[in-house]
PDB file of all heavy atoms in Angstrom:
ATOM      1  N   ARG A   1       1.522  -9.917  12.561  1.00  0.00           N
ATOM      2  CA  ARG A   1       2.904  -9.684  11.993  1.00  0.00           C
ATOM      3  C   ARG A   1       3.848  -9.529  13.185  1.00  0.00           C
ATOM      4  O   ARG A   1       3.543  -8.860  14.199  1.00  0.00           O
ATOM      5  CB  ARG A   1       2.950  -8.543  11.142  1.00  0.00           C
ATOM      6  CG  ARG A   1       2.367  -8.689   9.776  1.00  0.00           C
ATOM      7  CD  ARG A   1       2.659  -7.560   8.762  1.00  0.00           C
ATOM      8  NE  ARG A   1       2.549  -6.204   9.403  1.00  0.00           N
ATOM      9  CZ  ARG A   1       3.328  -5.206   9.133  1.00  0.00           C
ATOM     10  NH1 ARG A   1       4.333  -5.380   8.222  1.00  0.00           N
ATOM     11  NH2 ARG A   1       3.206  -3.987   9.661  1.00  0.00           N
ATOM     12  N   VAL A   2       5.008  -9.994  12.994  1.00  0.00           N
ATOM     13  CA  VAL A   2       6.131  -9.929  14.025  1.00  0.00           C
ATOM     14  C   VAL A   2       7.430  -9.684  13.320  1.00  0.00           C
ATOM     15  O   VAL A   2       7.681 -10.172  12.143  1.00  0.00           O
ATOM     16  CB  VAL A   2       6.174 -11.184  14.877  1.00  0.00           C
ATOM     17  CG1 VAL A   2       6.522 -12.442  13.967  1.00  0.00           C
ATOM     18  CG2 VAL A   2       7.139 -11.150  15.951  1.00  0.00           C
ATOM     19  N   SER A   3       8.347  -8.890  13.952  1.00  0.00           N
ATOM     20  CA  SER A   3       9.639  -8.664  13.394  1.00  0.00           C
ATOM     21  C   SER A   3      10.689  -8.993  14.447  1.00  0.00           C
ATOM     22  O   SER A   3      10.479  -8.797  15.610  1.00  0.00           O
ATOM     23  CB  SER A   3       9.820  -7.201  12.821  1.00  0.00           C
ATOM     24  OG  SER A   3       9.823  -6.305  13.864  1.00  0.00           O
ATOM     25  N   LEU A   4      11.858  -9.497  13.923  1.00  0.00           N
ATOM     26  CA  LEU A   4      12.949  -9.846  14.738  1.00  0.00           C
ATOM     27  C   LEU A   4      14.146  -9.046  14.186  1.00  0.00           C
ATOM     28  O   LEU A   4      14.407  -9.250  12.985  1.00  0.00           O
ATOM     29  CB  LEU A   4      13.196 -11.368  14.795  1.00  0.00           C
ATOM     30  CG  LEU A   4      12.260 -12.148  15.632  1.00  0.00           C
ATOM     31  CD1 LEU A   4      10.875 -12.353  14.827  1.00  0.00           C
ATOM     32  CD2 LEU A   4      12.847 -13.535  15.890  1.00  0.00           C
ATOM     33  N   THR A   5      14.814  -8.326  15.005  1.00  0.00           N
ATOM     34  CA  THR A   5      15.930  -7.558  14.569  1.00  0.00           C
ATOM     35  C   THR A   5      17.201  -7.943  15.401  1.00  0.00           C
ATOM     36  O   THR A   5      17.151  -8.023  16.580  1.00  0.00           O
ATOM     37  CB  THR A   5      15.773  -6.013  14.779  1.00  0.00           C
ATOM     38  OG1 THR A   5      14.518  -5.579  14.050  1.00  0.00           O
ATOM     39  CG2 THR A   5      16.871  -5.196  14.313  1.00  0.00           C
ATOM     40  N   ASP A   6      18.211  -8.343  14.638  1.00  0.00           N
ATOM     41  CA  ASP A   6      19.475  -8.744  15.250  1.00  0.00           C
ATOM     42  C   ASP A   6      20.620  -8.096  14.405  1.00  0.00           C
ATOM     43  O   ASP A   6      20.378  -7.260  13.565  1.00  0.00           O
ATOM     44  CB  ASP A   6      19.589 -10.271  15.405  1.00  0.00           C
ATOM     45  CG  ASP A   6      19.478 -10.971  14.059  1.00  0.00           C
ATOM     46  OD1 ASP A   6      19.623 -10.352  12.950  1.00  0.00           O
ATOM     47  OD2 ASP A   6      19.226 -12.145  14.046  1.00  0.00           O
ATOM     48  N   ASP A   7      21.792  -8.578  14.641  1.00  0.00           N
ATOM     49  CA  ASP A   7      22.959  -8.062  13.936  1.00  0.00           C
ATOM     50  C   ASP A   7      22.938  -8.292  12.413  1.00  0.00           C
ATOM     51  O   ASP A   7      23.654  -7.562  11.654  1.00  0.00           O
ATOM     52  CB  ASP A   7      24.273  -8.730  14.508  1.00  0.00           C
ATOM     53  CG  ASP A   7      24.562  -8.240  15.874  1.00  0.00           C
ATOM     54  OD1 ASP A   7      24.022  -7.235  16.341  1.00  0.00           O
ATOM     55  OD2 ASP A   7      25.313  -8.982  16.601  1.00  0.00           O
ATOM     56  N   ASN A   8      22.042  -9.138  11.926  1.00  0.00           N
ATOM     57  CA  ASN A   8      21.953  -9.395  10.512  1.00  0.00           C
ATOM     58  C   ASN A   8      20.743  -8.691   9.936  1.00  0.00           C
ATOM     59  O   ASN A   8      20.486  -8.879   8.783  1.00  0.00           O
ATOM     60  CB  ASN A   8      21.706 -10.984  10.272  1.00  0.00           C
ATOM     61  CG  ASN A   8      22.857 -11.705  10.748  1.00  0.00           C
ATOM     62  OD1 ASN A   8      23.993 -11.425  10.456  1.00  0.00           O
ATOM     63  ND2 ASN A   8      22.691 -12.799  11.528  1.00  0.00           N
ATOM     64  N   GLY A   9      20.183  -7.803  10.634  1.00  0.00           N
ATOM     65  CA  GLY A   9      19.021  -6.978  10.065  1.00  0.00           C
ATOM     66  C   GLY A   9      17.688  -7.314  10.677  1.00  0.00           C
ATOM     67  O   GLY A   9      17.623  -7.986  11.737  1.00  0.00           O
ATOM     68  N   THR A  10      16.633  -6.850  10.057  1.00  0.00           N
ATOM     69  CA  THR A  10      15.246  -7.050  10.426  1.00  0.00           C
ATOM     70  C   THR A  10      14.602  -8.101   9.581  1.00  0.00           C
ATOM     71  O   THR A  10      14.630  -7.947   8.435  1.00  0.00           O
ATOM     72  CB  THR A  10      14.500  -5.684  10.506  1.00  0.00           C
ATOM     73  OG1 THR A  10      15.146  -4.852  11.313  1.00  0.00           O
ATOM     74  CG2 THR A  10      12.993  -5.946  10.866  1.00  0.00           C
ATOM     75  N   HIS A  11      13.955  -8.964  10.174  1.00  0.00           N
ATOM     76  CA  HIS A  11      13.182 -10.075   9.478  1.00  0.00           C
ATOM     77  C   HIS A  11      11.789  -9.971   9.887  1.00  0.00           C
ATOM     78  O   HIS A  11      11.492 -10.087  11.126  1.00  0.00           O
ATOM     79  CB  HIS A  11      13.754 -11.492   9.861  1.00  0.00           C
ATOM     80  CG  HIS A  11      15.288 -11.449   9.883  1.00  0.00           C
ATOM     81  ND1 HIS A  11      16.037 -11.668   8.752  1.00  0.00           N
ATOM     82  CD2 HIS A  11      16.218 -11.236  10.861  1.00  0.00           C
ATOM     83  CE1 HIS A  11      17.288 -11.652   9.062  1.00  0.00           C
ATOM     84  NE2 HIS A  11      17.410 -11.350  10.324  1.00  0.00           N
ATOM     85  N   THR A  12      10.846  -9.734   8.990  1.00  0.00           N
ATOM     86  CA  THR A  12       9.455  -9.634   9.334  1.00  0.00           C
ATOM     87  C   THR A  12       8.661 -10.802   8.804  1.00  0.00           C
ATOM     88  O   THR A  12       8.873 -11.224   7.623  1.00  0.00           O
ATOM     89  CB  THR A  12       8.937  -8.291   8.699  1.00  0.00           C
ATOM     90  OG1 THR A  12       9.649  -7.238   9.234  1.00  0.00           O
ATOM     91  CG2 THR A  12       7.420  -8.116   9.053  1.00  0.00           C
ATOM     92  N   PHE A  13       7.755 -11.282   9.619  1.00  0.00           N
ATOM     93  CA  PHE A  13       6.927 -12.414   9.280  1.00  0.00           C
ATOM     94  C   PHE A  13       5.438 -12.164   9.435  1.00  0.00           C
ATOM     95  O   PHE A  13       5.097 -11.506  10.447  1.00  0.00           O
ATOM     96  CB  PHE A  13       7.397 -13.636  10.156  1.00  0.00           C
ATOM     97  CG  PHE A  13       8.811 -13.977  10.097  1.00  0.00           C
ATOM     98  CD1 PHE A  13       9.709 -13.460  11.047  1.00  0.00           C
ATOM     99  CD2 PHE A  13       9.310 -14.773   9.019  1.00  0.00           C
ATOM    100  CE1 PHE A  13      11.080 -13.703  10.968  1.00  0.00           C
ATOM    101  CE2 PHE A  13      10.701 -15.021   8.910  1.00  0.00           C
ATOM    102  CZ  PHE A  13      11.501 -14.557   9.879  1.00  0.00           C
ATOM    103  N   ALA A  14       4.576 -12.560   8.525  1.00  0.00           N
ATOM    104  CA  ALA A  14       3.217 -12.393   8.603  1.00  0.00           C
ATOM    105  C   ALA A  14       2.459 -13.772   8.520  1.00  0.00           C
ATOM    106  O   ALA A  14       3.124 -14.736   8.258  1.00  0.00           O
ATOM    107  CB  ALA A  14       2.805 -11.443   7.487  1.00  0.00           C
ATOM    108  N   ALA A  15       1.132 -13.667   8.582  1.00  0.00           N
ATOM    109  CA  ALA A  15       0.346 -14.885   8.540  1.00  0.00           C
ATOM    110  C   ALA A  15       0.736 -15.854   7.324  1.00  0.00           C
ATOM    111  O   ALA A  15       0.913 -15.316   6.219  1.00  0.00           O
ATOM    112  CB  ALA A  15      -1.195 -14.528   8.376  1.00  0.00           C
ATOM    113  N   GLY A  16       0.993 -17.041   7.638  1.00  0.00           N
ATOM    114  CA  GLY A  16       1.400 -17.975   6.599  1.00  0.00           C
ATOM    115  C   GLY A  16       2.841 -18.291   6.586  1.00  0.00           C
ATOM    116  O   GLY A  16       3.419 -19.227   5.979  1.00  0.00           O
ATOM    117  N   ASP A  17       3.709 -17.318   7.241  1.00  0.00           N
ATOM    118  CA  ASP A  17       5.163 -17.413   7.342  1.00  0.00           C
ATOM    119  C   ASP A  17       5.576 -18.334   8.536  1.00  0.00           C
ATOM    120  O   ASP A  17       4.883 -18.472   9.467  1.00  0.00           O
ATOM    121  CB  ASP A  17       5.867 -16.117   7.475  1.00  0.00           C
ATOM    122  CG  ASP A  17       5.645 -15.224   6.217  1.00  0.00           C
ATOM    123  OD1 ASP A  17       5.500 -15.776   5.128  1.00  0.00           O
ATOM    124  OD2 ASP A  17       5.790 -13.959   6.425  1.00  0.00           O
ATOM    125  N   ALA A  18       6.705 -18.937   8.358  1.00  0.00           N
ATOM    126  CA  ALA A  18       7.290 -19.789   9.512  1.00  0.00           C
ATOM    127  C   ALA A  18       8.770 -19.396   9.636  1.00  0.00           C
ATOM    128  O   ALA A  18       9.358 -18.972   8.638  1.00  0.00           O
ATOM    129  CB  ALA A  18       7.115 -21.188   9.184  1.00  0.00           C
ATOM    130  N   PHE A  19       9.270 -19.526  10.825  1.00  0.00           N
ATOM    131  CA  PHE A  19      10.653 -19.297  11.119  1.00  0.00           C
ATOM    132  C   PHE A  19      11.196 -20.082  12.277  1.00  0.00           C
ATOM    133  O   PHE A  19      10.403 -20.639  12.950  1.00  0.00           O
ATOM    134  CB  PHE A  19      11.005 -17.828  11.275  1.00  0.00           C
ATOM    135  CG  PHE A  19      10.354 -17.161  12.449  1.00  0.00           C
ATOM    136  CD1 PHE A  19      10.966 -17.145  13.667  1.00  0.00           C
ATOM    137  CD2 PHE A  19       9.050 -16.585  12.378  1.00  0.00           C
ATOM    138  CE1 PHE A  19      10.384 -16.508  14.783  1.00  0.00           C
ATOM    139  CE2 PHE A  19       8.424 -16.006  13.539  1.00  0.00           C
ATOM    140  CZ  PHE A  19       9.048 -15.987  14.709  1.00  0.00           C
ATOM    141  N   THR A  20      12.443 -20.173  12.421  1.00  0.00           N
ATOM    142  CA  THR A  20      13.017 -20.902  13.575  1.00  0.00           C
ATOM    143  C   THR A  20      13.966 -19.984  14.324  1.00  0.00           C
ATOM    144  O   THR A  20      14.544 -19.047  13.706  1.00  0.00           O
ATOM    145  CB  THR A  20      13.847 -22.107  13.133  1.00  0.00           C
ATOM    146  OG1 THR A  20      14.858 -21.766  12.250  1.00  0.00           O
ATOM    147  CG2 THR A  20      12.976 -23.084  12.465  1.00  0.00           C
ATOM    148  N   LEU A  21      14.187 -20.220  15.556  1.00  0.00           N
ATOM    149  CA  LEU A  21      15.247 -19.533  16.399  1.00  0.00           C
ATOM    150  C   LEU A  21      16.026 -20.652  17.106  1.00  0.00           C
ATOM    151  O   LEU A  21      15.477 -21.692  17.435  1.00  0.00           O
ATOM    152  CB  LEU A  21      14.517 -18.634  17.437  1.00  0.00           C
ATOM    153  CG  LEU A  21      13.883 -17.384  16.974  1.00  0.00           C
ATOM    154  CD1 LEU A  21      13.036 -16.685  18.167  1.00  0.00           C
ATOM    155  CD2 LEU A  21      14.946 -16.419  16.487  1.00  0.00           C
ATOM    156  N   GLU A  22      17.257 -20.336  17.396  1.00  0.00           N
ATOM    157  CA  GLU A  22      18.105 -21.248  18.035  1.00  0.00           C
ATOM    158  C   GLU A  22      18.669 -20.696  19.381  1.00  0.00           C
ATOM    159  O   GLU A  22      18.627 -19.403  19.541  1.00  0.00           O
ATOM    160  CB  GLU A  22      19.294 -21.733  17.143  1.00  0.00           C
ATOM    161  CG  GLU A  22      18.907 -22.465  15.939  1.00  0.00           C
ATOM    162  CD  GLU A  22      20.081 -22.907  15.149  1.00  0.00           C
ATOM    163  OE1 GLU A  22      21.261 -22.911  15.618  1.00  0.00           O
ATOM    164  OE2 GLU A  22      19.869 -23.415  14.019  1.00  0.00           O
ATOM    165  N   PRO A  23      19.132 -21.500  20.267  1.00  0.00           N
ATOM    166  CA  PRO A  23      19.692 -20.931  21.490  1.00  0.00           C
ATOM    167  C   PRO A  23      20.770 -19.951  21.242  1.00  0.00           C
ATOM    168  O   PRO A  23      21.543 -20.090  20.356  1.00  0.00           O
ATOM    169  CB  PRO A  23      20.195 -22.145  22.228  1.00  0.00           C
ATOM    170  CG  PRO A  23      19.484 -23.340  21.688  1.00  0.00           C
ATOM    171  CD  PRO A  23      19.196 -22.923  20.192  1.00  0.00           C
ATOM    172  N   GLY A  24      20.714 -18.791  22.047  1.00  0.00           N
ATOM    173  CA  GLY A  24      21.685 -17.812  21.879  1.00  0.00           C
ATOM    174  C   GLY A  24      21.331 -16.593  21.027  1.00  0.00           C
ATOM    175  O   GLY A  24      21.980 -15.614  20.990  1.00  0.00           O
ATOM    176  N   TRP A  25      20.172 -16.719  20.278  1.00  0.00           N
ATOM    177  CA  TRP A  25      19.707 -15.637  19.470  1.00  0.00           C
ATOM    178  C   TRP A  25      19.532 -14.437  20.401  1.00  0.00           C
ATOM    179  O   TRP A  25      18.968 -14.551  21.507  1.00  0.00           O
ATOM    180  CB  TRP A  25      18.402 -15.925  18.737  1.00  0.00           C
ATOM    181  CG  TRP A  25      17.961 -14.720  18.010  1.00  0.00           C
ATOM    182  CD1 TRP A  25      18.344 -14.330  16.728  1.00  0.00           C
ATOM    183  CD2 TRP A  25      16.926 -13.774  18.384  1.00  0.00           C
ATOM    184  NE1 TRP A  25      17.712 -13.200  16.282  1.00  0.00           N
ATOM    185  CE2 TRP A  25      16.832 -12.810  17.276  1.00  0.00           C
ATOM    186  CE3 TRP A  25      16.178 -13.601  19.429  1.00  0.00           C
ATOM    187  CZ2 TRP A  25      16.018 -11.694  17.405  1.00  0.00           C
ATOM    188  CZ3 TRP A  25      15.282 -12.538  19.560  1.00  0.00           C
ATOM    189  CH2 TRP A  25      15.250 -11.634  18.555  1.00  0.00           C
TER     190      TRP A  25
END
C-alpha cells in the first residue's frame, strides 16, 4: 500500500489499484 498526500487530500492505493502522476505534482 502507498499513499500520496497533496493539496487535494490523501489518496491511498493497494494491490490491484493503478494511478498516474504528472510533472509538477
